[in-house]
C-alpha cells in the first residue's frame, strides 16, 4: 500500500536536508493500528507501507523504530509521526539536555525541545519519547534525531522543520553550549 502524503512529505524532508539516504521513517495512525514506512526505505520514495495491527506481531519489514511509533500511539493522542535526522538538531542534542529556541517561531510553537536517551530502536528510547510527547509535539533523541508528532503528517513535518531551524539559529548566534 502506498500513500501520496508520505511521498510528498518525504520529498520535502529530503530536499530540505532533514533526512539523508535511507535515514528516518514516518507513520500515521489507522483505525486498527498504524501504517509505517519500511525498514531501509528512502523517504522521498517510500514505496509500500507496512500495516501494523494493534495486538498482533509487527510484520517483517516495518521500520526498526516501530517501537517508538507504537509507544507514542499507545501513550498519546497524536495521529502522525515523522522521525528525521536533521543535522543541526542532532549536533545540538550531543551538547545540550534541552534546546530552548530563541527565534520567534520556535518560542511560539515549541518553547522547549527535550533531549532523551536511548539507543535507536530500543524500548528505552520508545518510552522516553512517548513520555515527552504526552505534553509536546517534538522530542530529540540524543545523537539520533527528532521524533515529531501531530494531528497530521504535515503537522509532524512542521515540527521536524522547526527543530532544525531553531537549532541553526542557536548555532549561528553562538548558543550551542555543553
N, C-alpha and C. Protein backbone atom coordinates (compact mmCIF):
# COMPACT_ATOMS: atom_id res chain seq x y z
N UNK A 1 0.84 -1.17 0.00
CA UNK A 1 0.00 0.00 0.00
C UNK A 1 0.89 1.25 0.00
N UNK A 2 0.62 2.15 -0.89
CA UNK A 2 1.36 3.41 -0.97
C UNK A 2 0.47 4.55 -0.50
N UNK A 3 1.10 5.65 -0.11
CA UNK A 3 0.36 6.81 0.36
C UNK A 3 1.02 8.06 -0.21
N UNK A 4 0.32 8.83 -1.04
CA UNK A 4 0.94 10.00 -1.66
C UNK A 4 1.38 11.07 -0.65
N UNK A 5 0.75 11.12 0.51
CA UNK A 5 1.15 12.09 1.54
C UNK A 5 2.55 11.76 2.07
N UNK A 6 2.85 10.48 2.21
CA UNK A 6 4.18 10.07 2.66
C UNK A 6 5.23 10.50 1.64
N UNK A 7 4.93 10.29 0.36
CA UNK A 7 5.88 10.68 -0.69
C UNK A 7 6.09 12.18 -0.70
N UNK A 8 5.01 12.95 -0.61
CA UNK A 8 5.10 14.41 -0.62
C UNK A 8 5.94 14.92 0.56
N UNK A 9 5.65 14.45 1.75
CA UNK A 9 6.40 14.90 2.93
C UNK A 9 7.82 14.35 2.90
N UNK A 10 7.99 13.11 2.47
CA UNK A 10 9.33 12.54 2.36
C UNK A 10 10.22 13.34 1.43
N UNK A 11 9.66 13.80 0.32
CA UNK A 11 10.44 14.63 -0.61
C UNK A 11 10.82 15.96 0.02
N UNK A 12 9.90 16.55 0.76
CA UNK A 12 10.23 17.81 1.45
C UNK A 12 11.36 17.59 2.45
N UNK A 13 11.26 16.53 3.23
CA UNK A 13 12.30 16.23 4.22
C UNK A 13 13.65 16.05 3.55
N UNK A 14 13.67 15.31 2.45
CA UNK A 14 14.92 15.05 1.74
C UNK A 14 15.45 16.33 1.10
N UNK A 15 14.59 17.07 0.39
CA UNK A 15 15.02 18.29 -0.30
C UNK A 15 15.51 19.37 0.67
N UNK A 16 15.00 19.38 1.87
CA UNK A 16 15.42 20.37 2.86
C UNK A 16 16.57 19.88 3.72
N UNK A 17 17.10 18.70 3.43
CA UNK A 17 18.25 18.18 4.17
C UNK A 17 17.91 17.71 5.57
N UNK A 18 16.66 17.40 5.83
CA UNK A 18 16.26 16.93 7.16
C UNK A 18 16.44 15.43 7.31
N UNK A 19 16.60 14.74 6.19
CA UNK A 19 16.97 13.33 6.18
C UNK A 19 17.98 13.14 5.05
N UNK A 20 18.76 12.10 5.14
CA UNK A 20 19.69 11.75 4.08
C UNK A 20 19.62 10.25 3.87
N UNK A 21 19.96 9.83 2.68
CA UNK A 21 19.96 8.39 2.40
C UNK A 21 18.64 7.76 2.78
N UNK A 22 18.72 6.63 3.44
CA UNK A 22 17.50 5.95 3.88
C UNK A 22 17.28 6.10 5.38
N UNK A 23 17.70 7.25 5.92
CA UNK A 23 17.52 7.54 7.34
C UNK A 23 16.12 8.09 7.58
N UNK A 24 15.52 7.75 8.69
CA UNK A 24 14.23 8.30 9.08
C UNK A 24 13.08 7.40 8.72
N UNK A 25 11.91 7.75 9.24
CA UNK A 25 10.70 6.99 8.99
C UNK A 25 9.48 7.84 9.32
N UNK A 26 8.33 7.39 8.88
CA UNK A 26 7.07 8.10 9.12
C UNK A 26 5.97 7.09 9.36
N UNK A 27 4.94 7.53 10.06
CA UNK A 27 3.77 6.68 10.26
C UNK A 27 2.52 7.53 10.45
N UNK A 28 1.38 6.91 10.22
CA UNK A 28 0.09 7.52 10.54
C UNK A 28 -0.77 6.48 11.23
N UNK A 29 -1.50 6.95 12.22
CA UNK A 29 -2.40 6.07 12.97
C UNK A 29 -3.57 5.68 12.08
N UNK A 30 -3.99 4.44 12.20
CA UNK A 30 -5.17 3.97 11.48
C UNK A 30 -6.16 3.44 12.51
N UNK A 31 -7.31 3.03 12.04
CA UNK A 31 -8.36 2.56 12.95
C UNK A 31 -7.89 1.36 13.78
N UNK A 32 -7.12 0.47 13.18
CA UNK A 32 -6.72 -0.75 13.87
C UNK A 32 -5.26 -0.76 14.33
N UNK A 33 -4.51 0.28 14.04
CA UNK A 33 -3.10 0.31 14.39
C UNK A 33 -2.44 1.51 13.74
N UNK A 34 -1.47 1.24 12.84
CA UNK A 34 -0.82 2.33 12.12
C UNK A 34 -0.13 1.81 10.87
N UNK A 35 0.12 2.74 9.94
CA UNK A 35 0.90 2.46 8.74
C UNK A 35 2.26 3.10 8.93
N UNK A 36 3.32 2.37 8.61
CA UNK A 36 4.68 2.87 8.83
C UNK A 36 5.54 2.54 7.61
N UNK A 37 6.55 3.38 7.39
CA UNK A 37 7.48 3.12 6.29
C UNK A 37 8.27 1.84 6.56
N UNK A 38 8.77 1.27 5.48
CA UNK A 38 9.56 0.04 5.57
C UNK A 38 10.97 0.34 6.06
N UNK A 39 11.56 -0.62 6.70
CA UNK A 39 12.96 -0.52 7.11
C UNK A 39 13.83 -0.34 5.86
N UNK A 40 14.68 0.65 5.88
CA UNK A 40 15.59 0.88 4.76
C UNK A 40 15.00 1.64 3.60
N UNK A 41 13.74 2.06 3.69
CA UNK A 41 13.14 2.78 2.57
C UNK A 41 13.64 4.22 2.54
N UNK A 42 13.66 4.79 1.37
CA UNK A 42 14.03 6.18 1.18
C UNK A 42 12.76 7.01 1.34
N UNK A 43 12.79 8.03 2.18
CA UNK A 43 11.56 8.77 2.46
C UNK A 43 11.07 9.57 1.26
N UNK A 44 11.97 9.92 0.33
CA UNK A 44 11.49 10.66 -0.84
C UNK A 44 10.81 9.74 -1.86
N UNK A 45 10.92 8.44 -1.65
CA UNK A 45 10.23 7.45 -2.48
C UNK A 45 9.97 6.23 -1.59
N UNK A 46 9.04 6.36 -0.63
CA UNK A 46 8.91 5.34 0.42
C UNK A 46 8.34 4.00 -0.02
N UNK A 47 7.72 3.95 -1.19
CA UNK A 47 7.18 2.68 -1.65
C UNK A 47 6.02 2.20 -0.80
N UNK A 48 5.89 0.88 -0.70
CA UNK A 48 4.78 0.30 0.06
C UNK A 48 5.00 0.43 1.55
N UNK A 49 3.94 0.80 2.24
CA UNK A 49 3.98 0.94 3.69
C UNK A 49 3.65 -0.40 4.33
N UNK A 50 3.99 -0.51 5.61
CA UNK A 50 3.69 -1.72 6.37
C UNK A 50 2.52 -1.40 7.30
N UNK A 51 1.51 -2.25 7.29
CA UNK A 51 0.36 -2.07 8.19
C UNK A 51 0.64 -2.85 9.47
N UNK A 52 0.61 -2.15 10.60
CA UNK A 52 0.79 -2.77 11.90
C UNK A 52 -0.56 -2.75 12.61
N UNK A 53 -1.02 -3.91 13.02
CA UNK A 53 -2.31 -4.05 13.70
C UNK A 53 -2.05 -4.17 15.20
N UNK A 54 -2.73 -3.34 15.97
CA UNK A 54 -2.56 -3.37 17.43
C UNK A 54 -2.82 -4.77 17.98
N UNK A 55 -1.92 -5.21 18.85
CA UNK A 55 -2.06 -6.51 19.50
C UNK A 55 -1.52 -7.68 18.70
N UNK A 56 -1.13 -7.45 17.45
CA UNK A 56 -0.58 -8.52 16.63
C UNK A 56 0.93 -8.32 16.48
N UNK A 57 1.66 -9.39 16.14
CA UNK A 57 3.11 -9.22 15.92
C UNK A 57 3.38 -8.19 14.81
N UNK A 58 4.44 -7.44 14.98
CA UNK A 58 4.82 -6.44 13.97
C UNK A 58 5.33 -7.17 12.74
N UNK A 59 4.77 -6.86 11.57
CA UNK A 59 5.18 -7.55 10.35
C UNK A 59 6.66 -7.30 10.01
N UNK A 60 7.25 -8.29 9.43
CA UNK A 60 8.63 -8.17 8.95
C UNK A 60 8.68 -7.02 7.94
N UNK A 61 9.74 -6.26 7.99
CA UNK A 61 9.92 -5.16 7.06
C UNK A 61 9.54 -3.80 7.61
N UNK A 62 8.85 -3.76 8.76
CA UNK A 62 8.50 -2.47 9.36
C UNK A 62 9.77 -1.76 9.81
N UNK A 63 9.74 -0.45 9.81
CA UNK A 63 10.88 0.34 10.26
C UNK A 63 11.40 -0.17 11.60
N UNK A 64 12.70 -0.10 11.77
CA UNK A 64 13.30 -0.54 13.03
C UNK A 64 12.88 0.33 14.21
N UNK A 65 12.31 1.48 13.95
CA UNK A 65 11.83 2.37 15.01
C UNK A 65 10.35 2.15 15.34
N UNK A 66 9.80 1.02 14.92
CA UNK A 66 8.37 0.77 15.16
C UNK A 66 8.04 0.84 16.65
N UNK A 67 8.97 0.48 17.53
CA UNK A 67 8.68 0.53 18.97
C UNK A 67 8.37 1.95 19.43
N UNK A 68 9.11 2.92 18.88
CA UNK A 68 8.87 4.31 19.25
C UNK A 68 7.49 4.73 18.76
N UNK A 69 7.16 4.41 17.53
CA UNK A 69 5.86 4.78 16.98
C UNK A 69 4.73 4.14 17.80
N UNK A 70 4.88 2.85 18.12
CA UNK A 70 3.87 2.15 18.93
C UNK A 70 3.67 2.81 20.28
N UNK A 71 4.77 3.13 20.96
CA UNK A 71 4.67 3.74 22.29
C UNK A 71 3.99 5.10 22.21
N UNK A 72 4.33 5.88 21.20
CA UNK A 72 3.72 7.21 21.05
C UNK A 72 2.22 7.06 20.81
N UNK A 73 1.81 6.17 19.95
CA UNK A 73 0.38 5.98 19.68
C UNK A 73 -0.34 5.41 20.91
N UNK A 74 0.32 4.56 21.65
CA UNK A 74 -0.29 3.97 22.85
C UNK A 74 -0.47 5.02 23.95
N UNK A 75 0.51 5.91 24.10
CA UNK A 75 0.54 6.85 25.23
C UNK A 75 -0.03 8.23 24.94
N UNK A 76 -0.24 8.56 23.66
CA UNK A 76 -0.68 9.92 23.31
C UNK A 76 -1.85 9.87 22.33
N UNK A 77 -2.39 11.03 22.04
CA UNK A 77 -3.44 11.13 21.05
C UNK A 77 -2.93 11.53 19.68
N UNK A 78 -1.61 11.62 19.49
CA UNK A 78 -1.06 12.00 18.19
C UNK A 78 -1.50 11.03 17.11
N UNK A 79 -1.66 11.54 15.89
CA UNK A 79 -2.16 10.75 14.77
C UNK A 79 -1.10 10.48 13.70
N UNK A 80 0.04 11.19 13.77
CA UNK A 80 1.10 11.02 12.76
C UNK A 80 2.45 11.30 13.38
N UNK A 81 3.48 10.64 12.86
CA UNK A 81 4.85 10.78 13.39
C UNK A 81 5.83 10.87 12.24
N UNK A 82 6.78 11.79 12.37
CA UNK A 82 7.92 11.88 11.45
C UNK A 82 9.18 11.76 12.29
N UNK A 83 10.02 10.82 11.94
CA UNK A 83 11.35 10.69 12.57
C UNK A 83 12.38 11.05 11.52
N UNK A 84 13.19 12.07 11.82
CA UNK A 84 14.20 12.54 10.87
C UNK A 84 15.53 12.72 11.58
N UNK A 85 16.55 13.03 10.79
CA UNK A 85 17.90 13.20 11.31
C UNK A 85 18.46 14.58 10.92
N UNK A 86 17.78 15.65 11.29
CA UNK A 86 18.27 16.99 10.92
C UNK A 86 19.61 17.27 11.61
N UNK A 87 20.62 17.61 10.82
CA UNK A 87 21.99 17.64 11.32
C UNK A 87 22.25 18.66 12.43
N UNK A 88 21.71 19.86 12.33
CA UNK A 88 21.94 20.84 13.40
C UNK A 88 21.25 20.41 14.69
N UNK A 89 20.06 19.86 14.58
CA UNK A 89 19.35 19.39 15.77
C UNK A 89 20.09 18.21 16.40
N UNK A 90 20.60 17.29 15.58
CA UNK A 90 21.37 16.17 16.11
C UNK A 90 22.62 16.69 16.82
N UNK A 91 23.32 17.65 16.21
CA UNK A 91 24.50 18.23 16.85
C UNK A 91 24.14 18.88 18.18
N UNK A 92 23.04 19.62 18.20
CA UNK A 92 22.61 20.26 19.45
C UNK A 92 22.33 19.21 20.53
N UNK A 93 21.76 18.07 20.13
CA UNK A 93 21.43 17.03 21.11
C UNK A 93 22.66 16.42 21.75
N UNK A 94 23.80 16.52 21.08
CA UNK A 94 25.05 16.00 21.64
C UNK A 94 25.66 16.95 22.66
N UNK A 95 25.21 18.20 22.64
CA UNK A 95 25.77 19.22 23.53
C UNK A 95 24.82 19.68 24.63
N UNK A 96 23.52 19.47 24.44
CA UNK A 96 22.53 20.02 25.37
C UNK A 96 21.54 18.95 25.81
N UNK A 97 20.97 19.15 27.00
CA UNK A 97 19.93 18.26 27.50
C UNK A 97 18.54 18.74 27.11
N UNK A 98 18.45 19.99 26.73
CA UNK A 98 17.22 20.56 26.22
C UNK A 98 17.59 21.76 25.37
N UNK A 99 16.79 22.00 24.37
CA UNK A 99 17.04 23.12 23.47
C UNK A 99 15.95 24.14 23.72
N UNK A 100 16.37 25.36 24.00
CA UNK A 100 15.44 26.46 24.21
C UNK A 100 15.56 27.39 23.00
N UNK A 101 14.60 27.31 22.08
CA UNK A 101 14.68 28.17 20.89
C UNK A 101 14.68 29.65 21.27
N UNK A 102 15.44 30.42 20.50
CA UNK A 102 15.45 31.87 20.71
C UNK A 102 14.77 32.61 19.56
N UNK A 103 14.46 31.89 18.48
CA UNK A 103 13.75 32.51 17.36
C UNK A 103 12.26 32.59 17.66
N UNK A 104 11.57 33.50 17.00
CA UNK A 104 10.16 33.72 17.32
C UNK A 104 9.28 32.50 17.05
N UNK A 105 9.49 31.81 15.93
CA UNK A 105 8.66 30.64 15.63
C UNK A 105 8.90 29.53 16.65
N UNK A 106 10.16 29.29 16.97
CA UNK A 106 10.49 28.27 17.96
C UNK A 106 9.88 28.57 19.31
N UNK A 107 10.03 29.82 19.77
CA UNK A 107 9.45 30.19 21.07
C UNK A 107 7.94 30.04 21.09
N UNK A 108 7.30 30.34 19.98
CA UNK A 108 5.85 30.29 19.91
C UNK A 108 5.34 28.84 19.82
N UNK A 109 5.93 28.03 18.96
CA UNK A 109 5.40 26.70 18.68
C UNK A 109 5.96 25.59 19.57
N UNK A 110 7.19 25.77 20.03
CA UNK A 110 7.82 24.72 20.85
C UNK A 110 8.90 25.36 21.71
N UNK A 111 8.51 25.99 22.81
CA UNK A 111 9.47 26.75 23.61
C UNK A 111 10.58 25.92 24.27
N UNK A 112 10.42 24.60 24.26
CA UNK A 112 11.46 23.72 24.79
C UNK A 112 11.45 22.43 24.00
N UNK A 113 12.64 21.98 23.58
CA UNK A 113 12.78 20.69 22.92
C UNK A 113 13.63 19.82 23.84
N UNK A 114 13.00 18.82 24.41
CA UNK A 114 13.67 17.93 25.37
C UNK A 114 14.51 16.91 24.61
N UNK A 115 15.70 16.64 25.14
CA UNK A 115 16.60 15.62 24.59
C UNK A 115 16.50 14.39 25.49
N UNK A 116 16.23 13.23 24.88
CA UNK A 116 16.11 11.99 25.65
C UNK A 116 17.21 11.00 25.26
N UNK A 117 17.39 10.04 26.13
CA UNK A 117 18.38 8.98 25.93
C UNK A 117 17.71 7.73 25.39
N UNK A 118 18.52 6.85 24.83
CA UNK A 118 18.05 5.56 24.36
C UNK A 118 18.64 5.25 23.00
N UNK A 119 19.12 4.05 22.85
CA UNK A 119 19.68 3.63 21.57
C UNK A 119 18.56 3.48 20.54
N UNK A 120 18.86 3.70 19.27
CA UNK A 120 17.84 3.56 18.23
C UNK A 120 17.13 2.21 18.29
N UNK A 121 15.81 2.27 18.14
CA UNK A 121 15.01 1.06 18.06
C UNK A 121 14.75 0.34 19.37
N UNK A 122 15.17 0.90 20.50
CA UNK A 122 15.04 0.20 21.78
C UNK A 122 13.77 0.59 22.54
N UNK A 123 13.33 -0.30 23.43
CA UNK A 123 12.20 0.05 24.30
C UNK A 123 12.48 1.30 25.15
N UNK A 124 13.73 1.48 25.58
CA UNK A 124 14.09 2.67 26.37
C UNK A 124 13.81 3.94 25.58
N UNK A 125 14.26 3.99 24.35
CA UNK A 125 14.01 5.17 23.52
C UNK A 125 12.51 5.36 23.31
N UNK A 126 11.79 4.27 23.06
CA UNK A 126 10.35 4.35 22.83
C UNK A 126 9.64 4.97 24.03
N UNK A 127 9.92 4.50 25.21
CA UNK A 127 9.24 5.02 26.41
C UNK A 127 9.65 6.47 26.70
N UNK A 128 10.92 6.79 26.51
CA UNK A 128 11.37 8.16 26.76
C UNK A 128 10.73 9.15 25.80
N UNK A 129 10.64 8.77 24.54
CA UNK A 129 10.00 9.65 23.55
C UNK A 129 8.51 9.82 23.84
N UNK A 130 7.82 8.72 24.11
CA UNK A 130 6.39 8.77 24.37
C UNK A 130 6.09 9.64 25.59
N UNK A 131 6.92 9.54 26.61
CA UNK A 131 6.69 10.33 27.83
C UNK A 131 6.74 11.82 27.52
N UNK A 132 7.72 12.25 26.75
CA UNK A 132 7.83 13.67 26.39
C UNK A 132 6.68 14.09 25.47
N UNK A 133 6.32 13.23 24.53
CA UNK A 133 5.30 13.59 23.55
C UNK A 133 3.88 13.57 24.13
N UNK A 134 3.73 13.19 25.38
CA UNK A 134 2.44 13.35 26.07
C UNK A 134 2.10 14.83 26.22
N UNK A 135 3.13 15.68 26.29
CA UNK A 135 2.93 17.10 26.55
C UNK A 135 3.56 18.01 25.49
N UNK A 136 3.99 17.43 24.39
CA UNK A 136 4.68 18.18 23.36
C UNK A 136 4.43 17.56 21.99
N UNK A 137 4.90 18.25 20.96
CA UNK A 137 4.85 17.69 19.61
C UNK A 137 6.23 17.29 19.10
N UNK A 138 7.25 17.46 19.94
CA UNK A 138 8.61 17.28 19.46
C UNK A 138 9.52 16.81 20.57
N UNK A 139 10.35 15.83 20.23
CA UNK A 139 11.38 15.34 21.14
C UNK A 139 12.61 15.03 20.30
N UNK A 140 13.77 15.10 20.92
CA UNK A 140 15.03 14.87 20.23
C UNK A 140 15.77 13.74 20.93
N UNK A 141 16.09 12.69 20.20
CA UNK A 141 16.86 11.57 20.73
C UNK A 141 18.35 11.91 20.59
N UNK A 142 19.07 11.84 21.71
CA UNK A 142 20.48 12.24 21.72
C UNK A 142 21.28 11.54 20.62
N UNK A 143 21.87 12.35 19.74
CA UNK A 143 22.72 11.84 18.68
C UNK A 143 22.00 11.10 17.58
N UNK A 144 20.67 11.10 17.61
CA UNK A 144 19.92 10.26 16.67
C UNK A 144 18.92 11.03 15.82
N UNK A 145 18.21 11.97 16.37
CA UNK A 145 17.27 12.73 15.55
C UNK A 145 15.98 13.06 16.25
N UNK A 146 15.10 13.68 15.50
CA UNK A 146 13.83 14.15 16.03
C UNK A 146 12.73 13.10 15.84
N UNK A 147 11.80 13.11 16.78
CA UNK A 147 10.52 12.43 16.63
C UNK A 147 9.49 13.53 16.82
N UNK A 148 8.81 13.86 15.74
CA UNK A 148 7.80 14.91 15.76
C UNK A 148 6.45 14.26 15.53
N UNK A 149 5.44 14.74 16.26
CA UNK A 149 4.12 14.13 16.18
C UNK A 149 3.07 15.21 16.09
N UNK A 150 1.93 14.85 15.51
CA UNK A 150 0.84 15.80 15.41
C UNK A 150 -0.44 15.16 14.95
N UNK A 151 -1.39 16.01 14.62
CA UNK A 151 -2.69 15.54 14.13
C UNK A 151 -2.59 14.98 12.72
N UNK A 152 -1.63 15.52 11.94
CA UNK A 152 -1.43 15.10 10.55
C UNK A 152 0.05 14.93 10.28
N UNK A 153 0.37 14.31 9.16
CA UNK A 153 1.76 14.16 8.75
C UNK A 153 2.36 15.54 8.45
N UNK A 154 1.54 16.47 7.97
CA UNK A 154 2.01 17.83 7.71
C UNK A 154 2.43 18.52 9.01
N UNK A 155 1.63 18.36 10.05
CA UNK A 155 1.97 18.98 11.34
C UNK A 155 3.25 18.36 11.91
N UNK A 156 3.39 17.04 11.80
CA UNK A 156 4.62 16.40 12.27
C UNK A 156 5.83 16.90 11.48
N UNK A 157 5.67 17.07 10.18
CA UNK A 157 6.74 17.63 9.35
C UNK A 157 7.10 19.04 9.83
N UNK A 158 6.09 19.87 10.10
CA UNK A 158 6.32 21.25 10.55
C UNK A 158 7.21 21.27 11.79
N UNK A 159 6.93 20.40 12.76
CA UNK A 159 7.74 20.38 13.98
C UNK A 159 9.15 19.85 13.71
N UNK A 160 9.30 18.96 12.75
CA UNK A 160 10.64 18.50 12.35
C UNK A 160 11.44 19.67 11.80
N UNK A 161 10.84 20.41 10.91
CA UNK A 161 11.49 21.58 10.31
C UNK A 161 11.81 22.63 11.37
N UNK A 162 10.88 22.83 12.29
CA UNK A 162 11.09 23.79 13.37
C UNK A 162 12.32 23.45 14.21
N UNK A 163 12.50 22.18 14.53
CA UNK A 163 13.66 21.76 15.33
C UNK A 163 14.96 22.12 14.64
N UNK A 164 15.02 21.89 13.34
CA UNK A 164 16.25 22.20 12.61
C UNK A 164 16.46 23.71 12.52
N UNK A 165 15.40 24.45 12.24
CA UNK A 165 15.51 25.91 12.15
C UNK A 165 15.98 26.50 13.48
N UNK A 166 15.34 26.10 14.56
CA UNK A 166 15.71 26.63 15.88
C UNK A 166 17.16 26.26 16.23
N UNK A 167 17.58 25.07 15.88
CA UNK A 167 18.95 24.64 16.17
C UNK A 167 19.96 25.43 15.34
N UNK A 168 19.63 25.70 14.09
CA UNK A 168 20.52 26.52 13.24
C UNK A 168 20.67 27.92 13.81
N UNK A 169 19.57 28.51 14.21
CA UNK A 169 19.62 29.86 14.79
C UNK A 169 20.51 29.86 16.02
N UNK A 170 20.37 28.87 16.88
CA UNK A 170 21.23 28.78 18.07
C UNK A 170 22.70 28.64 17.66
N UNK A 171 22.98 27.83 16.66
CA UNK A 171 24.35 27.66 16.20
C UNK A 171 24.91 28.97 15.63
N UNK A 172 24.16 29.61 14.75
CA UNK A 172 24.63 30.84 14.10
C UNK A 172 24.85 31.98 15.09
N UNK A 173 24.12 31.95 16.19
CA UNK A 173 24.26 33.02 17.20
C UNK A 173 25.19 32.62 18.34
N UNK A 174 25.86 31.48 18.22
CA UNK A 174 26.83 31.08 19.23
C UNK A 174 26.23 30.52 20.50
N UNK A 175 25.01 30.00 20.44
CA UNK A 175 24.34 29.49 21.64
C UNK A 175 24.44 27.98 21.82
N UNK A 176 25.20 27.27 21.00
CA UNK A 176 25.41 25.86 21.24
C UNK A 176 26.35 25.77 22.45
N UNK A 177 25.90 25.12 23.51
CA UNK A 177 26.72 25.03 24.71
C UNK A 177 26.72 23.61 25.23
N UNK A 178 27.77 23.30 25.94
CA UNK A 178 27.86 21.95 26.55
C UNK A 178 27.54 22.07 28.01
